[in-house]
Amino acid sequence: MVDPEGLVRAAAPSEPPTVLTDVLDLDHVTRAREFGTAGLNVDLYLLTKPDSTAIELGLGWLAVGLIYLAVLTEGFRKAPPEVQFSEDVNPGEPARADSTPRRSRSG
């Protein structure tokens, strides 16, 4: 038996056949229906109904990213930098990225 958010409240043994009972909180069901998938609903709405401003901003950021990548790779002639994390990072320290270019497989 699961609650409206999908959390298991009770489990019956596989044998013998069992009847489970529980008290249903209708306010909890209503909240889960209204707000349980709110993040997903907003994402789906934004992906399916973009405003012209959002499209322009998205294309602008895409252009900035491509220009930045072109500068890093000297006009797409070099491989892009590879992020490498060391294995000996202390738990309290953030991992440092190494931005040295990747070696080609041929040499």
N, C-alpha and C. Protein backbone atom coordinates (compact mmCIF):
# COMPACT_ATOMS: atom_id res chain seq x y z
N MET A 1 0.86 -1.16 0.00
CA MET A 1 0.00 0.00 0.00
C MET A 1 0.91 1.23 0.00
N VAL A 2 0.61 2.17 -0.90
CA VAL A 2 1.42 3.38 -1.01
C VAL A 2 0.56 4.60 -0.77
N ASP A 3 1.21 5.69 -0.35
CA ASP A 3 0.49 6.94 -0.14
C ASP A 3 0.44 7.70 -1.47
N PRO A 4 -0.22 8.87 -1.50
CA PRO A 4 -0.36 9.60 -2.77
C PRO A 4 0.97 10.03 -3.39
N GLU A 5 2.04 10.10 -2.60
CA GLU A 5 3.34 10.50 -3.14
C GLU A 5 4.19 9.32 -3.55
N GLY A 6 3.66 8.09 -3.39
CA GLY A 6 4.38 6.91 -3.81
C GLY A 6 5.21 6.24 -2.73
N LEU A 7 5.13 6.70 -1.49
CA LEU A 7 5.88 6.08 -0.40
C LEU A 7 5.11 4.86 0.12
N VAL A 8 5.83 3.78 0.37
CA VAL A 8 5.20 2.55 0.85
C VAL A 8 4.79 2.73 2.31
N ARG A 9 3.51 2.55 2.57
CA ARG A 9 2.99 2.67 3.94
C ARG A 9 2.88 1.32 4.61
N ALA A 10 2.55 0.29 3.86
CA ALA A 10 2.40 -1.06 4.42
C ALA A 10 2.62 -2.07 3.30
N ALA A 11 3.19 -3.21 3.67
CA ALA A 11 3.42 -4.28 2.70
C ALA A 11 2.87 -5.57 3.28
N ALA A 12 2.19 -6.32 2.45
CA ALA A 12 1.62 -7.60 2.89
C ALA A 12 2.58 -8.72 2.53
N PRO A 13 2.60 -9.78 3.33
CA PRO A 13 3.42 -10.93 2.96
C PRO A 13 2.87 -11.57 1.69
N SER A 14 3.73 -12.27 0.96
CA SER A 14 3.27 -12.87 -0.30
C SER A 14 2.29 -14.02 -0.06
N GLU A 15 2.42 -14.73 1.04
CA GLU A 15 1.51 -15.83 1.38
C GLU A 15 1.10 -15.67 2.83
N PRO A 16 -0.02 -15.93 3.27
CA PRO A 16 -1.27 -16.18 2.54
C PRO A 16 -1.83 -14.87 2.01
N PRO A 17 -2.86 -14.92 1.17
CA PRO A 17 -3.50 -13.69 0.70
C PRO A 17 -3.95 -12.85 1.89
N THR A 18 -3.66 -11.56 1.83
CA THR A 18 -3.90 -10.66 2.95
C THR A 18 -4.69 -9.44 2.50
N VAL A 19 -5.53 -8.94 3.37
CA VAL A 19 -6.27 -7.70 3.13
C VAL A 19 -5.66 -6.63 4.01
N LEU A 20 -5.24 -5.54 3.41
CA LEU A 20 -4.67 -4.42 4.16
C LEU A 20 -5.71 -3.30 4.24
N THR A 21 -5.73 -2.61 5.36
CA THR A 21 -6.60 -1.45 5.52
C THR A 21 -5.76 -0.29 6.00
N ASP A 22 -6.21 0.90 5.67
CA ASP A 22 -5.50 2.11 6.10
C ASP A 22 -6.49 3.26 6.05
N VAL A 23 -6.16 4.33 6.73
CA VAL A 23 -6.99 5.53 6.72
C VAL A 23 -6.50 6.43 5.60
N LEU A 24 -7.40 6.86 4.75
CA LEU A 24 -7.07 7.70 3.61
C LEU A 24 -7.25 9.17 3.99
N ASP A 25 -6.17 9.93 3.89
CA ASP A 25 -6.21 11.37 4.17
C ASP A 25 -6.49 12.09 2.85
N LEU A 26 -7.73 12.51 2.66
CA LEU A 26 -8.13 13.14 1.40
C LEU A 26 -7.44 14.47 1.17
N ASP A 27 -7.09 15.19 2.23
CA ASP A 27 -6.34 16.44 2.07
C ASP A 27 -4.95 16.15 1.50
N HIS A 28 -4.34 15.06 1.96
CA HIS A 28 -3.03 14.65 1.44
C HIS A 28 -3.12 14.29 -0.05
N VAL A 29 -4.19 13.60 -0.43
CA VAL A 29 -4.40 13.24 -1.83
C VAL A 29 -4.56 14.50 -2.67
N THR A 30 -5.34 15.46 -2.18
CA THR A 30 -5.55 16.72 -2.90
C THR A 30 -4.25 17.48 -3.07
N ARG A 31 -3.46 17.58 -1.99
CA ARG A 31 -2.16 18.28 -2.08
C ARG A 31 -1.24 17.60 -3.08
N ALA A 32 -1.20 16.28 -3.06
CA ALA A 32 -0.33 15.55 -3.99
C ALA A 32 -0.78 15.75 -5.43
N ARG A 33 -2.07 15.79 -5.65
CA ARG A 33 -2.57 16.00 -7.01
C ARG A 33 -2.30 17.42 -7.51
N GLU A 34 -2.41 18.40 -6.61
CA GLU A 34 -2.23 19.78 -7.01
C GLU A 34 -0.75 20.16 -7.14
N PHE A 35 0.06 19.70 -6.20
CA PHE A 35 1.44 20.16 -6.14
C PHE A 35 2.48 19.06 -6.36
N GLY A 36 2.07 17.81 -6.38
CA GLY A 36 3.03 16.72 -6.46
C GLY A 36 3.86 16.72 -7.72
N THR A 37 3.28 17.11 -8.84
CA THR A 37 4.01 17.15 -10.09
C THR A 37 4.15 18.59 -10.60
N ALA A 38 4.12 19.54 -9.68
CA ALA A 38 4.18 20.94 -10.09
C ALA A 38 5.46 21.25 -10.86
N GLY A 39 6.59 20.74 -10.40
CA GLY A 39 7.85 20.99 -11.10
C GLY A 39 7.84 20.41 -12.49
N LEU A 40 7.35 19.20 -12.62
CA LEU A 40 7.26 18.56 -13.93
C LEU A 40 6.29 19.32 -14.83
N ASN A 41 5.16 19.74 -14.27
CA ASN A 41 4.18 20.47 -15.06
C ASN A 41 4.75 21.77 -15.59
N VAL A 42 5.49 22.50 -14.76
CA VAL A 42 6.09 23.76 -15.19
C VAL A 42 7.11 23.50 -16.29
N ASP A 43 7.96 22.47 -16.11
CA ASP A 43 8.96 22.15 -17.13
C ASP A 43 8.30 21.79 -18.45
N LEU A 44 7.28 20.95 -18.40
CA LEU A 44 6.60 20.56 -19.63
C LEU A 44 5.94 21.75 -20.31
N TYR A 45 5.35 22.64 -19.51
CA TYR A 45 4.73 23.83 -20.09
C TYR A 45 5.78 24.70 -20.77
N LEU A 46 6.92 24.92 -20.08
CA LEU A 46 7.96 25.77 -20.65
C LEU A 46 8.57 25.16 -21.91
N LEU A 47 8.64 23.84 -21.96
CA LEU A 47 9.21 23.19 -23.14
C LEU A 47 8.25 23.17 -24.32
N THR A 48 6.96 23.16 -24.04
CA THR A 48 6.00 23.06 -25.13
C THR A 48 5.41 24.40 -25.55
N LYS A 49 5.51 25.42 -24.73
CA LYS A 49 4.92 26.72 -25.05
C LYS A 49 5.94 27.85 -24.86
N PRO A 50 7.09 27.78 -25.55
CA PRO A 50 8.08 28.83 -25.32
C PRO A 50 7.64 30.17 -25.91
N ASP A 51 7.94 31.22 -25.19
CA ASP A 51 7.67 32.58 -25.64
C ASP A 51 8.78 32.97 -26.62
N SER A 52 8.53 33.93 -27.46
CA SER A 52 9.55 34.34 -28.42
C SER A 52 10.79 34.89 -27.72
N THR A 53 10.61 35.54 -26.58
CA THR A 53 11.75 36.04 -25.81
C THR A 53 12.60 34.88 -25.31
N ALA A 54 11.96 33.82 -24.84
CA ALA A 54 12.70 32.66 -24.35
C ALA A 54 13.48 31.99 -25.48
N ILE A 55 12.88 31.91 -26.65
CA ILE A 55 13.58 31.33 -27.79
C ILE A 55 14.78 32.19 -28.16
N GLU A 56 14.60 33.52 -28.19
CA GLU A 56 15.71 34.42 -28.52
C GLU A 56 16.83 34.31 -27.49
N LEU A 57 16.47 34.26 -26.19
CA LEU A 57 17.50 34.13 -25.16
C LEU A 57 18.22 32.79 -25.28
N GLY A 58 17.48 31.73 -25.52
CA GLY A 58 18.09 30.42 -25.67
C GLY A 58 19.04 30.36 -26.84
N LEU A 59 18.64 30.91 -27.96
CA LEU A 59 19.52 30.94 -29.13
C LEU A 59 20.73 31.84 -28.89
N GLY A 60 20.53 32.91 -28.13
CA GLY A 60 21.65 33.79 -27.77
C GLY A 60 22.68 33.05 -26.94
N TRP A 61 22.22 32.30 -25.93
CA TRP A 61 23.15 31.54 -25.09
C TRP A 61 23.83 30.43 -25.89
N LEU A 62 23.11 29.83 -26.83
CA LEU A 62 23.72 28.83 -27.70
C LEU A 62 24.84 29.45 -28.53
N ALA A 63 24.60 30.65 -29.06
CA ALA A 63 25.63 31.34 -29.84
C ALA A 63 26.83 31.69 -28.97
N VAL A 64 26.59 32.16 -27.75
CA VAL A 64 27.71 32.48 -26.84
C VAL A 64 28.53 31.22 -26.56
N GLY A 65 27.85 30.10 -26.32
CA GLY A 65 28.56 28.85 -26.06
C GLY A 65 29.38 28.38 -27.25
N LEU A 66 28.82 28.50 -28.44
CA LEU A 66 29.56 28.10 -29.64
C LEU A 66 30.76 29.00 -29.89
N ILE A 67 30.61 30.29 -29.67
CA ILE A 67 31.74 31.22 -29.82
C ILE A 67 32.82 30.90 -28.80
N TYR A 68 32.42 30.65 -27.56
CA TYR A 68 33.39 30.30 -26.51
C TYR A 68 34.13 29.01 -26.87
N LEU A 69 33.40 28.02 -27.36
CA LEU A 69 34.03 26.76 -27.77
C LEU A 69 34.96 26.98 -28.95
N ALA A 70 34.58 27.82 -29.88
CA ALA A 70 35.45 28.12 -31.03
C ALA A 70 36.74 28.78 -30.58
N VAL A 71 36.66 29.67 -29.59
CA VAL A 71 37.87 30.32 -29.07
C VAL A 71 38.75 29.30 -28.36
N LEU A 72 38.15 28.45 -27.53
CA LEU A 72 38.93 27.44 -26.80
C LEU A 72 39.62 26.45 -27.72
N THR A 73 38.98 26.12 -28.83
CA THR A 73 39.52 25.10 -29.73
C THR A 73 40.22 25.71 -30.94
N GLU A 74 40.47 27.02 -30.87
CA GLU A 74 41.13 27.74 -31.97
C GLU A 74 40.45 27.46 -33.30
N GLY A 75 39.19 27.77 -33.35
CA GLY A 75 38.41 27.59 -34.56
C GLY A 75 38.07 26.14 -34.84
N PHE A 76 37.88 25.37 -33.81
CA PHE A 76 37.51 23.95 -33.89
C PHE A 76 38.63 23.10 -34.50
N ARG A 77 39.89 23.59 -34.43
CA ARG A 77 41.02 22.81 -34.94
C ARG A 77 41.66 21.95 -33.87
N LYS A 78 41.46 22.29 -32.60
CA LYS A 78 41.99 21.51 -31.48
C LYS A 78 40.85 20.82 -30.75
N ALA A 79 41.20 19.76 -30.03
CA ALA A 79 40.20 19.08 -29.22
C ALA A 79 39.79 19.98 -28.05
N PRO A 80 38.53 19.93 -27.65
CA PRO A 80 38.11 20.75 -26.51
C PRO A 80 38.78 20.26 -25.23
N PRO A 81 38.95 21.14 -24.24
CA PRO A 81 39.57 20.72 -22.98
C PRO A 81 38.73 19.66 -22.29
N GLU A 82 39.40 18.75 -21.64
CA GLU A 82 38.71 17.68 -20.92
C GLU A 82 38.81 17.95 -19.42
N VAL A 83 37.72 17.80 -18.73
CA VAL A 83 37.71 17.98 -17.27
C VAL A 83 38.14 16.67 -16.64
N GLN A 84 39.18 16.74 -15.79
CA GLN A 84 39.66 15.55 -15.11
C GLN A 84 39.65 15.83 -13.61
N PHE A 85 39.19 14.87 -12.86
CA PHE A 85 39.14 14.99 -11.41
C PHE A 85 40.13 14.01 -10.82
N SER A 86 40.90 14.46 -9.82
CA SER A 86 41.84 13.54 -9.18
C SER A 86 41.09 12.69 -8.17
N GLU A 87 41.63 11.50 -7.92
CA GLU A 87 40.99 10.56 -7.00
C GLU A 87 41.30 10.86 -5.54
N ASP A 88 42.34 11.65 -5.27
CA ASP A 88 42.77 11.89 -3.90
C ASP A 88 42.24 13.21 -3.34
N VAL A 89 41.00 13.51 -3.60
CA VAL A 89 40.38 14.74 -3.11
C VAL A 89 39.91 14.51 -1.69
N ASN A 90 40.21 15.46 -0.82
CA ASN A 90 39.72 15.38 0.55
C ASN A 90 38.23 15.67 0.56
N PRO A 91 37.46 14.99 1.42
CA PRO A 91 36.01 15.18 1.43
C PRO A 91 35.59 16.63 1.65
N GLY A 92 36.36 17.40 2.39
CA GLY A 92 35.98 18.78 2.67
C GLY A 92 36.35 19.75 1.58
N GLU A 93 37.18 19.33 0.61
CA GLU A 93 37.63 20.22 -0.45
C GLU A 93 36.86 19.96 -1.74
N PRO A 94 36.55 21.03 -2.48
CA PRO A 94 35.90 20.80 -3.77
C PRO A 94 36.91 20.23 -4.77
N ALA A 95 36.41 19.45 -5.72
CA ALA A 95 37.27 18.88 -6.75
C ALA A 95 37.73 19.99 -7.69
N ARG A 96 38.99 19.90 -8.14
CA ARG A 96 39.52 20.88 -9.07
C ARG A 96 39.51 20.29 -10.47
N ALA A 97 39.15 21.11 -11.42
CA ALA A 97 39.13 20.65 -12.81
C ALA A 97 40.46 20.97 -13.47
N ASP A 98 40.94 20.06 -14.28
CA ASP A 98 42.14 20.26 -15.05
C ASP A 98 41.71 20.57 -16.47
N SER A 99 42.06 21.77 -16.97
CA SER A 99 41.57 22.16 -18.28
C SER A 99 42.63 22.00 -19.37
N THR A 100 43.55 21.06 -19.19
CA THR A 100 44.53 20.82 -20.24
C THR A 100 43.87 20.10 -21.40
N PRO A 101 44.28 20.41 -22.64
CA PRO A 101 43.64 19.76 -23.78
C PRO A 101 43.91 18.25 -23.79
N ARG A 102 42.99 17.54 -24.33
CA ARG A 102 43.07 16.10 -24.44
C ARG A 102 44.06 15.72 -25.52
N ARG A 103 44.82 14.64 -25.31
CA ARG A 103 45.71 14.15 -26.36
C ARG A 103 44.91 13.37 -27.37
N SER A 104 45.33 13.46 -28.61
CA SER A 104 44.64 12.69 -29.64
C SER A 104 45.03 11.23 -29.54
N ARG A 105 44.18 10.35 -29.96
CA ARG A 105 44.45 8.90 -29.86
C ARG A 105 45.53 8.47 -30.84
N SER A 106 45.73 9.23 -31.90
CA SER A 106 46.69 8.80 -32.90
C SER A 106 48.13 9.11 -32.49
N GLY A 107 48.35 9.98 -31.56
CA GLY A 107 49.74 10.27 -31.25
C GLY A 107 49.88 11.00 -30.01
